[in-house]
Amino acid sequence: MTREIYALRRVNTAAKRHPGRRYVRGMLDACELASPGGKHLCLVFEPLRESLRAFAAHFKGDRLPPNLLPLLVKPILQGLDFSHTECKLIHTGKFRITLVSVQANLSWF
C-alpha cells in the first residue's frame, strides 16, 4: 500500500462529524491496471473545482477580492484541522488548494 492510499483511507474512515470533513476529498476507489509498460495504480476521486489560483484569475489583477477571503479561509482552516486532528495527517508536499466544497459558502458561485 502506498503512503497516498494509506492517507486517503485514513480520511475515508475518520470521524464524519467534524465540520472540516466536508472540505477534505476522500478516495472513492483504487485499482491497479496492467499495461505493456507495467502496473499502474489508479485512484478514483470526485471531480474537483478549479484551484484558488484559477479562481483568482477571474478577478482584476488575478487576485481574490478582500471581501471573499473570510469566506474561503474558514473552510480551508477547518479542512486542515480535520486532517490534523481526526486523520493525524500533516501535508508536507506541494500544497494546492482547490474549491471542493467551498462553493457551498458562496451563494453566487
Foldseek 3Di string as FASTA:
>chain_A
DDPVLVLLVLLVPWDPPQPLNQQDWHWPDWDWDQDPVGIDIDTHTDDFAAFLQVVLCVDPPSHDPPVCVVLPVVSVVSNQCCSCPTSVDDDDDDDIHTPHPSCVSPPVD
